[in-house]
């Protein structure tokens, strides 16, 4: 697949390219244009939260759309009724960036994993 630019962002008086990667180019006026790779990568994520990629025209809108995607994914994780200790640890890290909760859960995991199953008498 080529990285030919798909002209979705504003096209007049954009100024110099201030950021460029395989997914998009950002211009001095804060507009962006996605490459084909960028459209393939971001469009499905944005659609998942109801944002057509053609509506994303600035770097700020791109960042906001990504934040909505992350928040949606976090909500999906939280909605799982029986989340494992490992999953709770991951959520603790993702929620607040503070390792205190994660370290506490990690200790619980270590204690859980230290138990051994001992066969009782009469078991063949």
N, C-alpha and C. Protein backbone atom coordinates (compact mmCIF):
# COMPACT_ATOMS: atom_id res chain seq x y z
N UNK A 1 0.85 -1.17 0.00
CA UNK A 1 0.00 0.00 0.00
C UNK A 1 0.89 1.23 0.00
N UNK A 2 0.54 2.22 -0.77
CA UNK A 2 1.34 3.44 -0.84
C UNK A 2 0.95 4.39 0.27
N UNK A 3 1.79 5.37 0.49
CA UNK A 3 1.47 6.40 1.46
C UNK A 3 1.09 7.69 0.76
N UNK A 4 0.46 7.56 -0.40
CA UNK A 4 -0.02 8.73 -1.10
C UNK A 4 -1.00 9.47 -0.19
N UNK A 5 -0.90 10.77 -0.16
CA UNK A 5 -1.75 11.56 0.72
C UNK A 5 -3.18 11.57 0.20
N UNK A 6 -4.11 11.31 1.11
CA UNK A 6 -5.53 11.41 0.81
C UNK A 6 -5.95 12.78 1.31
N UNK A 7 -6.38 13.64 0.43
CA UNK A 7 -6.64 15.01 0.79
C UNK A 7 -7.98 15.14 1.51
N UNK A 8 -7.91 15.04 2.83
CA UNK A 8 -9.11 15.17 3.65
C UNK A 8 -9.10 16.50 4.39
N UNK A 9 -7.93 16.98 4.77
CA UNK A 9 -7.83 18.24 5.52
C UNK A 9 -8.06 19.44 4.63
N UNK A 10 -8.02 20.61 5.25
CA UNK A 10 -8.18 21.86 4.50
C UNK A 10 -7.06 21.97 3.47
N UNK A 11 -7.37 22.63 2.35
CA UNK A 11 -6.40 22.67 1.26
C UNK A 11 -5.87 24.07 0.94
N UNK A 12 -6.37 25.12 1.60
CA UNK A 12 -5.90 26.45 1.24
C UNK A 12 -5.11 27.09 2.37
N UNK A 13 -4.01 27.73 2.02
CA UNK A 13 -3.21 28.49 2.97
C UNK A 13 -2.83 27.69 4.21
N UNK A 14 -2.42 26.44 4.02
CA UNK A 14 -2.08 25.60 5.17
C UNK A 14 -0.72 25.90 5.75
N UNK A 15 0.15 26.43 4.96
CA UNK A 15 1.50 26.70 5.45
C UNK A 15 2.37 25.47 5.35
N UNK A 16 3.51 25.54 6.00
CA UNK A 16 4.52 24.48 5.93
C UNK A 16 4.07 23.24 6.68
N UNK A 17 4.61 22.10 6.26
CA UNK A 17 4.38 20.84 6.98
C UNK A 17 5.17 20.93 8.28
N UNK A 18 4.49 20.76 9.42
CA UNK A 18 5.16 20.85 10.71
C UNK A 18 5.33 19.48 11.36
N UNK A 19 4.63 18.50 10.85
CA UNK A 19 4.77 17.13 11.36
C UNK A 19 4.33 16.19 10.25
N UNK A 20 5.12 15.13 10.08
CA UNK A 20 4.79 14.18 9.03
C UNK A 20 5.20 12.79 9.49
N UNK A 21 4.33 11.83 9.25
CA UNK A 21 4.64 10.43 9.51
C UNK A 21 3.93 9.57 8.49
N UNK A 22 3.95 8.28 8.68
CA UNK A 22 3.34 7.41 7.68
C UNK A 22 1.82 7.52 7.64
N UNK A 23 1.23 8.16 8.67
CA UNK A 23 -0.23 8.24 8.78
C UNK A 23 -0.83 9.56 8.32
N UNK A 24 -0.13 10.66 8.53
CA UNK A 24 -0.67 11.96 8.14
C UNK A 24 0.43 13.02 8.07
N UNK A 25 0.06 14.16 7.49
CA UNK A 25 0.88 15.36 7.51
C UNK A 25 0.09 16.43 8.26
N UNK A 26 0.75 17.13 9.16
CA UNK A 26 0.13 18.26 9.87
C UNK A 26 0.80 19.54 9.37
N UNK A 27 -0.02 20.54 9.14
CA UNK A 27 0.45 21.79 8.58
C UNK A 27 0.45 22.90 9.63
N UNK A 28 1.11 24.01 9.30
CA UNK A 28 1.24 25.14 10.21
C UNK A 28 -0.11 25.69 10.67
N UNK A 29 -1.13 25.59 9.84
CA UNK A 29 -2.45 26.10 10.25
C UNK A 29 -3.24 25.07 11.07
N UNK A 30 -2.57 23.97 11.48
CA UNK A 30 -3.12 22.90 12.31
C UNK A 30 -4.01 21.93 11.54
N UNK A 31 -4.16 22.11 10.23
CA UNK A 31 -4.92 21.14 9.45
C UNK A 31 -4.06 19.89 9.23
N UNK A 32 -4.73 18.78 8.96
CA UNK A 32 -4.01 17.55 8.65
C UNK A 32 -4.60 16.92 7.41
N UNK A 33 -3.80 16.09 6.79
CA UNK A 33 -4.30 15.24 5.71
C UNK A 33 -3.71 13.85 5.92
N UNK A 34 -4.59 12.86 5.84
CA UNK A 34 -4.20 11.48 6.09
C UNK A 34 -3.63 10.84 4.83
N UNK A 35 -2.64 9.98 5.03
CA UNK A 35 -2.16 9.14 3.94
C UNK A 35 -3.14 7.97 3.80
N UNK A 36 -2.99 7.19 2.77
CA UNK A 36 -3.83 5.99 2.62
C UNK A 36 -3.64 5.06 3.81
N UNK A 37 -2.39 4.92 4.26
CA UNK A 37 -2.10 4.10 5.43
C UNK A 37 -2.82 4.66 6.65
N UNK A 38 -2.82 5.97 6.80
CA UNK A 38 -3.50 6.61 7.92
C UNK A 38 -5.00 6.38 7.89
N UNK A 39 -5.59 6.48 6.71
CA UNK A 39 -7.02 6.22 6.58
C UNK A 39 -7.32 4.77 6.95
N UNK A 40 -6.51 3.85 6.43
CA UNK A 40 -6.72 2.43 6.75
C UNK A 40 -6.58 2.16 8.24
N UNK A 41 -5.67 2.87 8.89
CA UNK A 41 -5.40 2.64 10.30
C UNK A 41 -6.43 3.31 11.21
N UNK A 42 -6.73 4.59 10.98
CA UNK A 42 -7.57 5.35 11.89
C UNK A 42 -9.06 5.28 11.60
N UNK A 43 -9.45 5.16 10.34
CA UNK A 43 -10.88 5.19 10.01
C UNK A 43 -11.69 4.15 10.78
N UNK A 44 -11.25 2.88 10.85
CA UNK A 44 -12.06 1.91 11.61
C UNK A 44 -12.18 2.26 13.09
N UNK A 45 -11.10 2.77 13.69
CA UNK A 45 -11.15 3.16 15.10
C UNK A 45 -12.13 4.30 15.31
N UNK A 46 -12.05 5.32 14.46
CA UNK A 46 -12.92 6.48 14.60
C UNK A 46 -14.38 6.11 14.34
N UNK A 47 -14.61 5.26 13.35
CA UNK A 47 -15.97 4.82 13.04
C UNK A 47 -16.59 4.10 14.24
N UNK A 48 -15.77 3.38 14.98
CA UNK A 48 -16.24 2.64 16.15
C UNK A 48 -16.89 3.57 17.18
N UNK A 49 -16.45 4.83 17.23
CA UNK A 49 -17.04 5.80 18.15
C UNK A 49 -17.90 6.83 17.41
N UNK A 50 -18.25 6.52 16.16
CA UNK A 50 -19.19 7.34 15.41
C UNK A 50 -18.61 8.57 14.74
N UNK A 51 -17.31 8.57 14.48
CA UNK A 51 -16.68 9.73 13.84
C UNK A 51 -16.16 9.32 12.47
N UNK A 52 -16.77 9.83 11.40
CA UNK A 52 -16.21 9.56 10.06
C UNK A 52 -14.87 10.29 9.94
N UNK A 53 -13.87 9.61 9.43
CA UNK A 53 -12.54 10.21 9.36
C UNK A 53 -12.53 11.48 8.50
N UNK A 54 -13.43 11.61 7.56
CA UNK A 54 -13.49 12.81 6.72
C UNK A 54 -13.84 14.05 7.55
N UNK A 55 -14.43 13.88 8.72
CA UNK A 55 -14.75 15.03 9.59
C UNK A 55 -13.56 15.49 10.42
N UNK A 56 -12.50 14.70 10.46
CA UNK A 56 -11.31 15.04 11.25
C UNK A 56 -10.39 15.87 10.36
N UNK A 57 -10.35 17.17 10.63
CA UNK A 57 -9.62 18.06 9.74
C UNK A 57 -8.43 18.75 10.40
N UNK A 58 -8.32 18.70 11.73
CA UNK A 58 -7.21 19.35 12.41
C UNK A 58 -6.51 18.34 13.32
N UNK A 59 -5.30 18.71 13.73
CA UNK A 59 -4.56 17.85 14.64
C UNK A 59 -5.30 17.72 15.97
N UNK A 60 -5.92 18.80 16.43
CA UNK A 60 -6.69 18.76 17.68
C UNK A 60 -7.86 17.79 17.57
N UNK A 61 -8.57 17.83 16.43
CA UNK A 61 -9.68 16.90 16.23
C UNK A 61 -9.18 15.46 16.19
N UNK A 62 -8.04 15.25 15.60
CA UNK A 62 -7.43 13.92 15.57
C UNK A 62 -7.16 13.43 16.99
N UNK A 63 -6.55 14.29 17.81
CA UNK A 63 -6.26 13.93 19.21
C UNK A 63 -7.55 13.66 19.99
N UNK A 64 -8.58 14.47 19.77
CA UNK A 64 -9.86 14.28 20.46
C UNK A 64 -10.50 12.96 20.04
N UNK A 65 -10.43 12.63 18.76
CA UNK A 65 -10.99 11.37 18.28
C UNK A 65 -10.26 10.19 18.91
N UNK A 66 -8.94 10.28 18.98
CA UNK A 66 -8.17 9.21 19.62
C UNK A 66 -8.53 9.07 21.10
N UNK A 67 -8.74 10.20 21.77
CA UNK A 67 -9.13 10.15 23.18
C UNK A 67 -10.48 9.45 23.34
N UNK A 68 -11.42 9.73 22.46
CA UNK A 68 -12.71 9.05 22.50
C UNK A 68 -12.56 7.55 22.28
N UNK A 69 -11.69 7.17 21.37
CA UNK A 69 -11.44 5.75 21.11
C UNK A 69 -10.89 5.08 22.37
N UNK A 70 -9.90 5.71 23.00
CA UNK A 70 -9.30 5.14 24.21
C UNK A 70 -10.34 5.05 25.32
N UNK A 71 -11.11 6.12 25.53
CA UNK A 71 -12.14 6.10 26.57
C UNK A 71 -13.18 5.02 26.31
N UNK A 72 -13.56 4.84 25.06
CA UNK A 72 -14.52 3.80 24.70
C UNK A 72 -13.95 2.42 25.01
N UNK A 73 -12.68 2.21 24.66
CA UNK A 73 -12.05 0.92 24.93
C UNK A 73 -11.94 0.67 26.43
N UNK A 74 -11.64 1.71 27.20
CA UNK A 74 -11.57 1.57 28.66
C UNK A 74 -12.94 1.23 29.23
N UNK A 75 -13.98 1.87 28.73
CA UNK A 75 -15.34 1.58 29.19
C UNK A 75 -15.71 0.13 28.91
N UNK A 76 -15.30 -0.36 27.74
CA UNK A 76 -15.56 -1.76 27.40
C UNK A 76 -14.86 -2.70 28.38
N UNK A 77 -13.62 -2.38 28.73
CA UNK A 77 -12.89 -3.20 29.69
C UNK A 77 -13.58 -3.18 31.05
N UNK A 78 -13.99 -2.00 31.49
CA UNK A 78 -14.64 -1.87 32.80
C UNK A 78 -15.97 -2.60 32.86
N UNK A 79 -16.63 -2.72 31.73
CA UNK A 79 -17.96 -3.32 31.72
C UNK A 79 -17.93 -4.84 31.85
N UNK A 80 -16.78 -5.42 31.74
CA UNK A 80 -16.69 -6.87 31.88
C UNK A 80 -16.95 -7.25 33.33
N UNK A 81 -17.90 -8.13 33.54
CA UNK A 81 -18.33 -8.47 34.90
C UNK A 81 -17.24 -9.13 35.72
N UNK A 82 -16.55 -10.07 35.15
CA UNK A 82 -15.56 -10.83 35.93
C UNK A 82 -14.17 -10.57 35.39
N UNK A 83 -13.64 -9.43 35.75
CA UNK A 83 -12.31 -9.05 35.29
C UNK A 83 -11.27 -9.72 36.18
N UNK A 84 -10.28 -10.32 35.58
CA UNK A 84 -9.21 -11.01 36.31
C UNK A 84 -8.36 -10.02 37.10
N UNK A 85 -7.55 -10.54 38.01
CA UNK A 85 -6.61 -9.68 38.74
C UNK A 85 -5.67 -8.98 37.78
N UNK A 86 -5.22 -9.71 36.77
CA UNK A 86 -4.32 -9.12 35.78
C UNK A 86 -5.01 -7.98 35.05
N UNK A 87 -6.27 -8.19 34.70
CA UNK A 87 -7.03 -7.14 34.02
C UNK A 87 -7.23 -5.93 34.89
N UNK A 88 -7.51 -6.15 36.19
CA UNK A 88 -7.66 -5.04 37.12
C UNK A 88 -6.35 -4.27 37.26
N UNK A 89 -5.22 -4.99 37.25
CA UNK A 89 -3.92 -4.33 37.34
C UNK A 89 -3.71 -3.44 36.12
N UNK A 90 -4.02 -3.96 34.95
CA UNK A 90 -3.88 -3.18 33.73
C UNK A 90 -4.75 -1.94 33.78
N UNK A 91 -6.00 -2.09 34.22
CA UNK A 91 -6.88 -0.93 34.33
C UNK A 91 -6.35 0.10 35.32
N UNK A 92 -5.79 -0.36 36.45
CA UNK A 92 -5.24 0.57 37.44
C UNK A 92 -4.13 1.40 36.83
N UNK A 93 -3.29 0.77 36.05
CA UNK A 93 -2.19 1.48 35.40
C UNK A 93 -2.74 2.46 34.38
N UNK A 94 -3.69 2.01 33.57
CA UNK A 94 -4.24 2.85 32.52
C UNK A 94 -5.08 4.00 33.08
N UNK A 95 -5.77 3.75 34.18
CA UNK A 95 -6.65 4.77 34.74
C UNK A 95 -5.91 5.96 35.31
N UNK A 96 -4.87 5.70 36.08
CA UNK A 96 -4.27 6.83 36.79
C UNK A 96 -2.77 6.95 36.62
N UNK A 97 -2.15 6.04 35.94
CA UNK A 97 -0.72 6.12 35.72
C UNK A 97 0.09 5.95 36.99
N UNK A 98 -0.59 5.66 38.10
CA UNK A 98 0.07 5.48 39.38
C UNK A 98 0.23 3.99 39.62
N UNK A 99 1.41 3.58 39.93
CA UNK A 99 1.67 2.16 40.08
C UNK A 99 1.24 1.59 41.42
N UNK A 100 0.81 2.43 42.36
CA UNK A 100 0.47 1.95 43.70
C UNK A 100 -0.62 0.87 43.64
N UNK A 101 -1.72 1.16 42.93
CA UNK A 101 -2.79 0.18 42.80
C UNK A 101 -2.30 -1.06 42.07
N UNK A 102 -1.53 -0.84 41.02
CA UNK A 102 -1.02 -1.96 40.22
C UNK A 102 -0.10 -2.85 41.06
N UNK A 103 0.75 -2.24 41.89
CA UNK A 103 1.66 -3.03 42.73
C UNK A 103 0.90 -3.83 43.77
N UNK A 104 -0.17 -3.24 44.31
CA UNK A 104 -1.00 -3.97 45.27
C UNK A 104 -1.65 -5.19 44.61
N UNK A 105 -2.15 -5.01 43.43
CA UNK A 105 -2.77 -6.13 42.71
C UNK A 105 -1.71 -7.16 42.33
N UNK A 106 -0.52 -6.69 41.96
CA UNK A 106 0.56 -7.62 41.62
C UNK A 106 0.90 -8.50 42.82
N UNK A 107 0.90 -7.93 44.02
CA UNK A 107 1.14 -8.72 45.23
C UNK A 107 0.05 -9.78 45.41
N UNK A 108 -1.20 -9.41 45.14
CA UNK A 108 -2.30 -10.38 45.23
C UNK A 108 -2.10 -11.52 44.23
N UNK A 109 -1.63 -11.17 43.05
CA UNK A 109 -1.39 -12.19 42.02
C UNK A 109 -0.28 -13.14 42.49
N UNK A 110 0.79 -12.57 43.06
CA UNK A 110 1.89 -13.41 43.57
C UNK A 110 1.39 -14.34 44.66
N UNK A 111 0.58 -13.81 45.60
CA UNK A 111 0.05 -14.66 46.67
C UNK A 111 -0.84 -15.76 46.09
N UNK A 112 -1.69 -15.39 45.14
CA UNK A 112 -2.57 -16.37 44.51
C UNK A 112 -1.77 -17.47 43.83
N UNK A 113 -0.73 -17.05 43.10
CA UNK A 113 0.06 -18.01 42.34
C UNK A 113 0.97 -18.87 43.21
N UNK A 114 1.15 -18.47 44.47
CA UNK A 114 2.02 -19.24 45.37
C UNK A 114 1.31 -20.45 45.96
N UNK A 115 -0.01 -20.49 45.87
CA UNK A 115 -0.74 -21.64 46.41
C UNK A 115 -0.55 -22.86 45.53
N UNK A 116 -0.44 -24.02 46.20
CA UNK A 116 -0.32 -25.28 45.47
C UNK A 116 -1.53 -26.13 45.79
N UNK A 117 -1.93 -26.91 44.84
CA UNK A 117 -3.02 -27.85 45.07
C UNK A 117 -2.43 -29.10 45.66
N UNK A 118 -2.95 -29.48 46.85
CA UNK A 118 -2.47 -30.69 47.52
C UNK A 118 -3.58 -31.71 47.51
N UNK A 119 -3.26 -32.86 47.01
CA UNK A 119 -4.25 -33.95 46.97
C UNK A 119 -4.46 -34.47 48.39
N UNK A 120 -5.70 -34.59 48.80
CA UNK A 120 -6.03 -35.11 50.12
C UNK A 120 -6.01 -36.62 50.15
N UNK A 121 -6.15 -37.21 51.36
CA UNK A 121 -6.17 -38.66 51.47
C UNK A 121 -7.36 -39.25 50.73
N UNK A 122 -7.17 -40.41 50.25
CA UNK A 122 -8.25 -41.12 49.56
C UNK A 122 -8.39 -40.74 48.09
N UNK A 123 -7.59 -39.85 47.60
CA UNK A 123 -7.64 -39.47 46.18
C UNK A 123 -6.66 -40.36 45.42
N UNK A 124 -7.14 -41.02 44.44
CA UNK A 124 -6.28 -41.89 43.64
C UNK A 124 -5.93 -41.26 42.34
